[in-house]
Amino acid sequence: MSASAAFALILFGCSDDGTECRRLAYPVEGFATAAHCEAKVDAALTSEMADRADAPTVIARCLDKARQARIGAGPVDLTSTALRPAYAMR
């Protein structure tokens, strides 16, 4: 992600209720605005990575730098108010 990118599109493989999620190895794309990021969500959710995910639900989130830092690389609860709203899921 470039230094000027304020948002990143991240895919998560989750339990159906979104309380147990892990980042998928989808290449993280950086965007200057949330709108630019959100425009790529559908493509990410139909990607090969999303199709191959070993999870009942795949969720795409456009997260700003602060939210990215809070979630780190471990498991995450995407129902947390700090990480809402969900932009899309399959």
PDB file of N, CA and C in Angstrom:
ATOM      1  N   MET A   1       0.855  -1.174   0.000  1.00  0.00           N
ATOM      2  CA  MET A   1       0.000   0.000   0.000  1.00  0.00           C
ATOM      3  C   MET A   1       0.897   1.232   0.000  1.00  0.00           C
ATOM      4  N   SER A   2       0.567   2.193  -0.843  1.00  0.00           N
ATOM      5  CA  SER A   2       1.394   3.387  -0.954  1.00  0.00           C
ATOM      6  C   SER A   2       1.243   4.266   0.289  1.00  0.00           C
ATOM      7  N   ALA A   3       2.217   5.121   0.499  1.00  0.00           N
ATOM      8  CA  ALA A   3       2.211   5.989   1.675  1.00  0.00           C
ATOM      9  C   ALA A   3       1.025   6.950   1.662  1.00  0.00           C
ATOM     10  N   SER A   4       0.517   7.305   0.463  1.00  0.00           N
ATOM     11  CA  SER A   4      -0.602   8.247   0.384  1.00  0.00           C
ATOM     12  C   SER A   4      -1.961   7.566   0.535  1.00  0.00           C
ATOM     13  N   ALA A   5      -1.982   6.248   0.578  1.00  0.00           N
ATOM     14  CA  ALA A   5      -3.251   5.524   0.687  1.00  0.00           C
ATOM     15  C   ALA A   5      -3.811   5.660   2.097  1.00  0.00           C
ATOM     16  N   ALA A   6      -5.057   6.075   2.176  1.00  0.00           N
ATOM     17  CA  ALA A   6      -5.700   6.248   3.472  1.00  0.00           C
ATOM     18  C   ALA A   6      -6.581   5.058   3.827  1.00  0.00           C
ATOM     19  N   PHE A   7      -7.010   4.281   2.816  1.00  0.00           N
ATOM     20  CA  PHE A   7      -7.900   3.139   3.019  1.00  0.00           C
ATOM     21  C   PHE A   7      -7.332   1.905   2.341  1.00  0.00           C
ATOM     22  N   ALA A   8      -7.632   0.748   2.910  1.00  0.00           N
ATOM     23  CA  ALA A   8      -7.214  -0.511   2.308  1.00  0.00           C
ATOM     24  C   ALA A   8      -8.410  -1.435   2.203  1.00  0.00           C
ATOM     25  N   LEU A   9      -8.472  -2.175   1.109  1.00  0.00           N
ATOM     26  CA  LEU A   9      -9.505  -3.185   0.904  1.00  0.00           C
ATOM     27  C   LEU A   9      -8.953  -4.510   1.409  1.00  0.00           C
ATOM     28  N   ILE A  10      -9.620  -5.070   2.405  1.00  0.00           N
ATOM     29  CA  ILE A  10      -9.149  -6.300   3.036  1.00  0.00           C
ATOM     30  C   ILE A  10     -10.280  -7.321   3.011  1.00  0.00           C
ATOM     31  N   LEU A  11      -9.953  -8.567   2.670  1.00  0.00           N
ATOM     32  CA  LEU A  11     -10.925  -9.657   2.705  1.00  0.00           C
ATOM     33  C   LEU A  11     -10.726 -10.477   3.960  1.00  0.00           C
ATOM     34  N   PHE A  12     -11.832 -10.902   4.557  1.00  0.00           N
ATOM     35  CA  PHE A  12     -11.816 -11.732   5.752  1.00  0.00           C
ATOM     36  C   PHE A  12     -12.657 -12.968   5.510  1.00  0.00           C
ATOM     37  N   GLY A  13     -12.171 -14.122   5.959  1.00  0.00           N
ATOM     38  CA  GLY A  13     -12.965 -15.338   6.009  1.00  0.00           C
ATOM     39  C   GLY A  13     -13.539 -15.428   7.408  1.00  0.00           C
ATOM     40  N   CYS A  14     -14.869 -15.557   7.504  1.00  0.00           N
ATOM     41  CA  CYS A  14     -15.538 -15.433   8.801  1.00  0.00           C
ATOM     42  C   CYS A  14     -16.540 -16.549   9.068  1.00  0.00           C
ATOM     43  N   SER A  15     -16.861 -16.697  10.349  1.00  0.00           N
ATOM     44  CA  SER A  15     -18.010 -17.502  10.741  1.00  0.00           C
ATOM     45  C   SER A  15     -19.245 -16.774  10.222  1.00  0.00           C
ATOM     46  N   ASP A  16     -20.367 -17.465  10.148  1.00  0.00           N
ATOM     47  CA  ASP A  16     -21.585 -16.851   9.616  1.00  0.00           C
ATOM     48  C   ASP A  16     -21.993 -15.582  10.351  1.00  0.00           C
ATOM     49  N   ASP A  17     -21.728 -15.514  11.647  1.00  0.00           N
ATOM     50  CA  ASP A  17     -22.150 -14.333  12.410  1.00  0.00           C
ATOM     51  C   ASP A  17     -21.097 -13.228  12.446  1.00  0.00           C
ATOM     52  N   GLY A  18     -19.921 -13.454  11.832  1.00  0.00           N
ATOM     53  CA  GLY A  18     -18.883 -12.425  11.763  1.00  0.00           C
ATOM     54  C   GLY A  18     -18.088 -12.217  13.028  1.00  0.00           C
ATOM     55  N   THR A  19     -18.265 -13.092  14.024  1.00  0.00           N
ATOM     56  CA  THR A  19     -17.537 -12.899  15.283  1.00  0.00           C
ATOM     57  C   THR A  19     -16.146 -13.528  15.261  1.00  0.00           C
ATOM     58  N   GLU A  20     -15.905 -14.464  14.352  1.00  0.00           N
ATOM     59  CA  GLU A  20     -14.593 -15.110  14.251  1.00  0.00           C
ATOM     60  C   GLU A  20     -14.110 -14.985  12.819  1.00  0.00           C
ATOM     61  N   CYS A  21     -13.220 -14.016  12.582  1.00  0.00           N
ATOM     62  CA  CYS A  21     -12.731 -13.741  11.238  1.00  0.00           C
ATOM     63  C   CYS A  21     -11.212 -13.724  11.208  1.00  0.00           C
ATOM     64  N   ARG A  22     -10.680 -14.068  10.055  1.00  0.00           N
ATOM     65  CA  ARG A  22      -9.245 -13.990   9.802  1.00  0.00           C
ATOM     66  C   ARG A  22      -9.041 -13.350   8.442  1.00  0.00           C
ATOM     67  N   ARG A  23      -7.981 -12.551   8.350  1.00  0.00           N
ATOM     68  CA  ARG A  23      -7.639 -11.964   7.058  1.00  0.00           C
ATOM     69  C   ARG A  23      -7.313 -13.066   6.064  1.00  0.00           C
ATOM     70  N   LEU A  24      -7.785 -12.894   4.843  1.00  0.00           N
ATOM     71  CA  LEU A  24      -7.405 -13.793   3.765  1.00  0.00           C
ATOM     72  C   LEU A  24      -6.134 -13.253   3.122  1.00  0.00           C
ATOM     73  N   ALA A  25      -5.427 -14.106   2.434  1.00  0.00           N
ATOM     74  CA  ALA A  25      -4.162 -13.706   1.811  1.00  0.00           C
ATOM     75  C   ALA A  25      -4.386 -12.923   0.520  1.00  0.00           C
ATOM     76  N   TYR A  26      -5.459 -12.181   0.455  1.00  0.00           N
ATOM     77  CA  TYR A  26      -5.784 -11.338  -0.694  1.00  0.00           C
ATOM     78  C   TYR A  26      -4.829 -10.151  -0.702  1.00  0.00           C
ATOM     79  N   PRO A  27      -4.295  -9.797  -1.870  1.00  0.00           N
ATOM     80  CA  PRO A  27      -3.392  -8.636  -1.907  1.00  0.00           C
ATOM     81  C   PRO A  27      -4.113  -7.379  -1.427  1.00  0.00           C
ATOM     82  N   VAL A  28      -3.555  -6.725  -0.444  1.00  0.00           N
ATOM     83  CA  VAL A  28      -4.169  -5.513   0.105  1.00  0.00           C
ATOM     84  C   VAL A  28      -3.935  -4.374  -0.878  1.00  0.00           C
ATOM     85  N   GLU A  29      -5.022  -3.741  -1.301  1.00  0.00           N
ATOM     86  CA  GLU A  29      -4.928  -2.582  -2.187  1.00  0.00           C
ATOM     87  C   GLU A  29      -5.136  -1.324  -1.372  1.00  0.00           C
ATOM     88  N   GLY A  30      -4.369  -0.284  -1.683  1.00  0.00           N
ATOM     89  CA  GLY A  30      -4.523   0.994  -1.005  1.00  0.00           C
ATOM     90  C   GLY A  30      -5.249   2.001  -1.868  1.00  0.00           C
ATOM     91  N   PHE A  31      -6.077   2.842  -1.235  1.00  0.00           N
ATOM     92  CA  PHE A  31      -6.879   3.838  -1.937  1.00  0.00           C
ATOM     93  C   PHE A  31      -6.840   5.158  -1.187  1.00  0.00           C
ATOM     94  N   ALA A  32      -6.949   6.246  -1.927  1.00  0.00           N
ATOM     95  CA  ALA A  32      -6.942   7.570  -1.315  1.00  0.00           C
ATOM     96  C   ALA A  32      -8.254   7.877  -0.605  1.00  0.00           C
ATOM     97  N   THR A  33      -9.362   7.318  -1.099  1.00  0.00           N
ATOM     98  CA  THR A  33     -10.661   7.608  -0.500  1.00  0.00           C
ATOM     99  C   THR A  33     -11.446   6.324  -0.260  1.00  0.00           C
ATOM    100  N   ALA A  34     -12.402   6.387   0.646  1.00  0.00           N
ATOM    101  CA  ALA A  34     -13.280   5.244   0.908  1.00  0.00           C
ATOM    102  C   ALA A  34     -14.094   4.906  -0.338  1.00  0.00           C
ATOM    103  N   ALA A  35     -14.522   5.908  -1.081  1.00  0.00           N
ATOM    104  CA  ALA A  35     -15.329   5.671  -2.284  1.00  0.00           C
ATOM    105  C   ALA A  35     -14.553   4.874  -3.326  1.00  0.00           C
ATOM    106  N   HIS A  36     -13.277   5.194  -3.525  1.00  0.00           N
ATOM    107  CA  HIS A  36     -12.451   4.435  -4.469  1.00  0.00           C
ATOM    108  C   HIS A  36     -12.305   2.994  -3.998  1.00  0.00           C
ATOM    109  N   CYS A  37     -12.125   2.815  -2.714  1.00  0.00           N
ATOM    110  CA  CYS A  37     -11.991   1.475  -2.142  1.00  0.00           C
ATOM    111  C   CYS A  37     -13.285   0.683  -2.329  1.00  0.00           C
ATOM    112  N   GLU A  38     -14.393   1.289  -1.971  1.00  0.00           N
ATOM    113  CA  GLU A  38     -15.689   0.614  -2.058  1.00  0.00           C
ATOM    114  C   GLU A  38     -16.040   0.221  -3.488  1.00  0.00           C
ATOM    115  N   ALA A  39     -15.524   0.949  -4.472  1.00  0.00           N
ATOM    116  CA  ALA A  39     -15.780   0.627  -5.876  1.00  0.00           C
ATOM    117  C   ALA A  39     -15.150  -0.704  -6.278  1.00  0.00           C
ATOM    118  N   LYS A  40     -14.187  -1.185  -5.512  1.00  0.00           N
ATOM    119  CA  LYS A  40     -13.487  -2.441  -5.832  1.00  0.00           C
ATOM    120  C   LYS A  40     -13.991  -3.637  -5.032  1.00  0.00           C
ATOM    121  N   VAL A  41     -14.938  -3.424  -4.125  1.00  0.00           N
ATOM    122  CA  VAL A  41     -15.409  -4.491  -3.240  1.00  0.00           C
ATOM    123  C   VAL A  41     -16.008  -5.661  -4.012  1.00  0.00           C
ATOM    124  N   ASP A  42     -16.884  -5.395  -4.970  1.00  0.00           N
ATOM    125  CA  ASP A  42     -17.519  -6.492  -5.715  1.00  0.00           C
ATOM    126  C   ASP A  42     -16.491  -7.360  -6.419  1.00  0.00           C
ATOM    127  N   ALA A  43     -15.487  -6.741  -7.017  1.00  0.00           N
ATOM    128  CA  ALA A  43     -14.435  -7.505  -7.697  1.00  0.00           C
ATOM    129  C   ALA A  43     -13.669  -8.378  -6.696  1.00  0.00           C
ATOM    130  N   ALA A  44     -13.408  -7.852  -5.514  1.00  0.00           N
ATOM    131  CA  ALA A  44     -12.690  -8.626  -4.495  1.00  0.00           C
ATOM    132  C   ALA A  44     -13.515  -9.823  -4.031  1.00  0.00           C
ATOM    133  N   LEU A  45     -14.829  -9.612  -3.876  1.00  0.00           N
ATOM    134  CA  LEU A  45     -15.695 -10.693  -3.400  1.00  0.00           C
ATOM    135  C   LEU A  45     -15.929 -11.779  -4.448  1.00  0.00           C
ATOM    136  N   THR A  46     -15.652 -11.491  -5.702  1.00  0.00           N
ATOM    137  CA  THR A  46     -15.782 -12.505  -6.748  1.00  0.00           C
ATOM    138  C   THR A  46     -14.423 -13.015  -7.207  1.00  0.00           C
ATOM    139  N   SER A  47     -13.368 -12.658  -6.485  1.00  0.00           N
ATOM    140  CA  SER A  47     -12.015 -13.090  -6.832  1.00  0.00           C
ATOM    141  C   SER A  47     -11.826 -14.574  -6.512  1.00  0.00           C
ATOM    142  N   GLU A  48     -10.792 -15.131  -7.092  1.00  0.00           N
ATOM    143  CA  GLU A  48     -10.453 -16.531  -6.835  1.00  0.00           C
ATOM    144  C   GLU A  48     -10.172 -16.753  -5.349  1.00  0.00           C
ATOM    145  N   MET A  49      -9.518 -15.790  -4.711  1.00  0.00           N
ATOM    146  CA  MET A  49      -9.215 -15.905  -3.282  1.00  0.00           C
ATOM    147  C   MET A  49     -10.499 -16.032  -2.468  1.00  0.00           C
ATOM    148  N   ALA A  50     -11.487 -15.225  -2.760  1.00  0.00           N
ATOM    149  CA  ALA A  50     -12.764 -15.295  -2.033  1.00  0.00           C
ATOM    150  C   ALA A  50     -13.459 -16.617  -2.306  1.00  0.00           C
ATOM    151  N   ASP A  51     -13.413 -17.073  -3.559  1.00  0.00           N
ATOM    152  CA  ASP A  51     -14.050 -18.343  -3.913  1.00  0.00           C
ATOM    153  C   ASP A  51     -13.399 -19.527  -3.207  1.00  0.00           C
ATOM    154  N   ARG A  52     -12.091 -19.463  -3.000  1.00  0.00           N
ATOM    155  CA  ARG A  52     -11.365 -20.577  -2.377  1.00  0.00           C
ATOM    156  C   ARG A  52     -11.320 -20.506  -0.852  1.00  0.00           C
ATOM    157  N   ALA A  53     -11.844 -19.452  -0.285  1.00  0.00           N
ATOM    158  CA  ALA A  53     -11.767 -19.270   1.171  1.00  0.00           C
ATOM    159  C   ALA A  53     -12.437 -20.427   1.900  1.00  0.00           C
ATOM    160  N   ASP A  54     -11.738 -20.931   2.901  1.00  0.00           N
ATOM    161  CA  ASP A  54     -12.263 -22.015   3.728  1.00  0.00           C
ATOM    162  C   ASP A  54     -13.016 -21.404   4.907  1.00  0.00           C
ATOM    163  N   ALA A  55     -14.108 -20.722   4.575  1.00  0.00           N
ATOM    164  CA  ALA A  55     -14.925 -20.043   5.584  1.00  0.00           C
ATOM    165  C   ALA A  55     -16.340 -19.945   5.032  1.00  0.00           C
ATOM    166  N   PRO A  56     -17.335 -20.021   5.894  1.00  0.00           N
ATOM    167  CA  PRO A  56     -18.709 -19.935   5.399  1.00  0.00           C
ATOM    168  C   PRO A  56     -19.080 -18.562   4.842  1.00  0.00           C
ATOM    169  N   THR A  57     -18.397 -17.519   5.290  1.00  0.00           N
ATOM    170  CA  THR A  57     -18.710 -16.166   4.860  1.00  0.00           C
ATOM    171  C   THR A  57     -17.415 -15.425   4.554  1.00  0.00           C
ATOM    172  N   VAL A  58     -17.423 -14.667   3.482  1.00  0.00           N
ATOM    173  CA  VAL A  58     -16.296 -13.790   3.160  1.00  0.00           C
ATOM    174  C   VAL A  58     -16.813 -12.356   3.226  1.00  0.00           C
ATOM    175  N   ILE A  59     -16.091 -11.531   3.951  1.00  0.00           N
ATOM    176  CA  ILE A  59     -16.470 -10.137   4.139  1.00  0.00           C
ATOM    177  C   ILE A  59     -15.351  -9.251   3.615  1.00  0.00           C
ATOM    178  N   ALA A  60     -15.729  -8.222   2.878  1.00  0.00           N
ATOM    179  CA  ALA A  60     -14.771  -7.226   2.396  1.00  0.00           C
ATOM    180  C   ALA A  60     -14.973  -5.952   3.199  1.00  0.00           C
ATOM    181  N   ARG A  61     -13.872  -5.389   3.642  1.00  0.00           N
ATOM    182  CA  ARG A  61     -13.933  -4.139   4.400  1.00  0.00           C
ATOM    183  C   ARG A  61     -12.939  -3.145   3.830  1.00  0.00           C
ATOM    184  N   CYS A  62     -13.363  -1.916   3.738  1.00  0.00           N
ATOM    185  CA  CYS A  62     -12.469  -0.809   3.438  1.00  0.00           C
ATOM    186  C   CYS A  62     -12.160  -0.160   4.775  1.00  0.00           C
ATOM    187  N   LEU A  63     -10.929  -0.302   5.190  1.00  0.00           N
ATOM    188  CA  LEU A  63     -10.547   0.184   6.516  1.00  0.00           C
ATOM    189  C   LEU A  63      -9.531   1.304   6.408  1.00  0.00           C
ATOM    190  N   ASP A  64      -9.696   2.321   7.258  1.00  0.00           N
ATOM    191  CA  ASP A  64      -8.697   3.377   7.304  1.00  0.00           C
ATOM    192  C   ASP A  64      -7.485   2.869   8.085  1.00  0.00           C
ATOM    193  N   LYS A  65      -6.411   3.642   8.058  1.00  0.00           N
ATOM    194  CA  LYS A  65      -5.158   3.204   8.680  1.00  0.00           C
ATOM    195  C   LYS A  65      -5.313   2.899  10.168  1.00  0.00           C
ATOM    196  N   ALA A  66      -6.084   3.697  10.881  1.00  0.00           N
ATOM    197  CA  ALA A  66      -6.263   3.476  12.323  1.00  0.00           C
ATOM    198  C   ALA A  66      -6.957   2.139  12.587  1.00  0.00           C
ATOM    199  N   ARG A  67      -7.990   1.826  11.826  1.00  0.00           N
ATOM    200  CA  ARG A  67      -8.693   0.551  12.013  1.00  0.00           C
ATOM    201  C   ARG A  67      -7.806  -0.622  11.619  1.00  0.00           C
ATOM    202  N   GLN A  68      -7.010  -0.465  10.569  1.00  0.00           N
ATOM    203  CA  GLN A  68      -6.087  -1.522  10.173  1.00  0.00           C
ATOM    204  C   GLN A  68      -5.123  -1.840  11.308  1.00  0.00           C
ATOM    205  N   ALA A  69      -4.619  -0.806  11.950  1.00  0.00           N
ATOM    206  CA  ALA A  69      -3.676  -0.991  13.048  1.00  0.00           C
ATOM    207  C   ALA A  69      -4.334  -1.698  14.225  1.00  0.00           C
ATOM    208  N   ARG A  70      -5.594  -1.379  14.504  1.00  0.00           N
ATOM    209  CA  ARG A  70      -6.295  -1.997  15.631  1.00  0.00           C
ATOM    210  C   ARG A  70      -6.519  -3.489  15.433  1.00  0.00           C
ATOM    211  N   ILE A  71      -6.764  -3.918  14.204  1.00  0.00           N
ATOM    212  CA  ILE A  71      -7.082  -5.340  14.017  1.00  0.00           C
ATOM    213  C   ILE A  71      -5.850  -6.221  13.933  1.00  0.00           C
ATOM    214  N   GLY A  72      -4.706  -5.674  13.539  1.00  0.00           N
ATOM    215  CA  GLY A  72      -3.500  -6.482  13.455  1.00  0.00           C
ATOM    216  C   GLY A  72      -3.664  -7.644  12.487  1.00  0.00           C
ATOM    217  N   ALA A  73      -2.975  -8.761  12.777  1.00  0.00           N
ATOM    218  CA  ALA A  73      -2.983  -9.911  11.870  1.00  0.00           C
ATOM    219  C   ALA A  73      -3.710 -11.117  12.436  1.00  0.00           C
ATOM    220  N   GLY A  74      -4.129 -11.056  13.679  1.00  0.00           N
ATOM    221  CA  GLY A  74      -4.778 -12.202  14.311  1.00  0.00           C
ATOM    222  C   GLY A  74      -6.267 -12.250  14.055  1.00  0.00           C
ATOM    223  N   PRO A  75      -6.966 -13.107  14.805  1.00  0.00           N
ATOM    224  CA  PRO A  75      -8.419 -13.200  14.650  1.00  0.00           C
ATOM    225  C   PRO A  75      -9.098 -11.892  15.061  1.00  0.00           C
ATOM    226  N   VAL A  76     -10.237 -11.633  14.437  1.00  0.00           N
ATOM    227  CA  VAL A  76     -10.929 -10.381  14.704  1.00  0.00           C
ATOM    228  C   VAL A  76     -12.441 -10.631  14.712  1.00  0.00           C
ATOM    229  N   ASP A  77     -13.147  -9.843  15.516  1.00  0.00           N
ATOM    230  CA  ASP A  77     -14.604  -9.872  15.578  1.00  0.00           C
ATOM    231  C   ASP A  77     -15.110  -8.698  14.754  1.00  0.00           C
ATOM    232  N   LEU A  78     -15.615  -8.958  13.541  1.00  0.00           N
ATOM    233  CA  LEU A  78     -16.056  -7.871  12.671  1.00  0.00           C
ATOM    234  C   LEU A  78     -17.408  -7.304  13.074  1.00  0.00           C
ATOM    235  N   THR A  79     -18.033  -7.862  14.098  1.00  0.00           N
ATOM    236  CA  THR A  79     -19.265  -7.266  14.602  1.00  0.00           C
ATOM    237  C   THR A  79     -18.965  -6.129  15.578  1.00  0.00           C
ATOM    238  N   SER A  80     -17.698  -5.972  15.938  1.00  0.00           N
ATOM    239  CA  SER A  80     -17.289  -4.904  16.845  1.00  0.00           C
ATOM    240  C   SER A  80     -17.682  -3.548  16.279  1.00  0.00           C
ATOM    241  N   THR A  81     -18.187  -2.672  17.114  1.00  0.00           N
ATOM    242  CA  THR A  81     -18.577  -1.336  16.651  1.00  0.00           C
ATOM    243  C   THR A  81     -17.394  -0.563  16.087  1.00  0.00           C
ATOM    244  N   ALA A  82     -16.181  -0.890  16.505  1.00  0.00           N
ATOM    245  CA  ALA A  82     -14.998  -0.209  15.992  1.00  0.00           C
ATOM    246  C   ALA A  82     -14.728  -0.558  14.533  1.00  0.00           C
ATOM    247  N   LEU A  83     -15.311  -1.661  14.042  1.00  0.00           N
ATOM    248  CA  LEU A  83     -15.036  -2.106  12.686  1.00  0.00           C
ATOM    249  C   LEU A  83     -16.246  -2.061  11.775  1.00  0.00           C
ATOM    250  N   ARG A  84     -17.341  -1.492  12.218  1.00  0.00           N
ATOM    251  CA  ARG A  84     -18.522  -1.375  11.371  1.00  0.00           C
ATOM    252  C   ARG A  84     -18.391  -0.124  10.507  1.00  0.00           C
ATOM    253  N   PRO A  85     -19.035  -0.022   9.406  1.00  0.00           N
ATOM    254  CA  PRO A  85     -19.990  -0.952   8.831  1.00  0.00           C
ATOM    255  C   PRO A  85     -19.309  -1.978   7.943  1.00  0.00           C
ATOM    256  N   ALA A  86     -19.986  -3.048   7.668  1.00  0.00           N
ATOM    257  CA  ALA A  86     -19.522  -4.024   6.678  1.00  0.00           C
ATOM    258  C   ALA A  86     -19.922  -3.472   5.320  1.00  0.00           C
ATOM    259  N   TYR A  87     -19.019  -3.462   4.396  1.00  0.00           N
ATOM    260  CA  TYR A  87     -19.344  -2.921   3.081  1.00  0.00           C
ATOM    261  C   TYR A  87     -19.982  -3.965   2.182  1.00  0.00           C
ATOM    262  N   ALA A  88     -19.595  -5.196   2.327  1.00  0.00           N
ATOM    263  CA  ALA A  88     -20.192  -6.245   1.490  1.00  0.00           C
ATOM    264  C   ALA A  88     -19.750  -7.597   2.007  1.00  0.00           C
ATOM    265  N   MET A  89     -20.535  -8.601   1.629  1.00  0.00           N
ATOM    266  CA  MET A  89     -20.153  -9.968   1.980  1.00  0.00           C
ATOM    267  C   MET A  89     -20.790 -10.930   1.009  1.00  0.00           C
ATOM    268  N   ARG A  90     -20.225 -12.131   0.942  1.00  0.00           N
ATOM    269  CA  ARG A  90     -20.825 -13.178   0.101  1.00  0.00           C
ATOM    270  C   ARG A  90     -21.152 -14.342   0.984  1.00  0.00           C
TER     271      ARG A  90
END
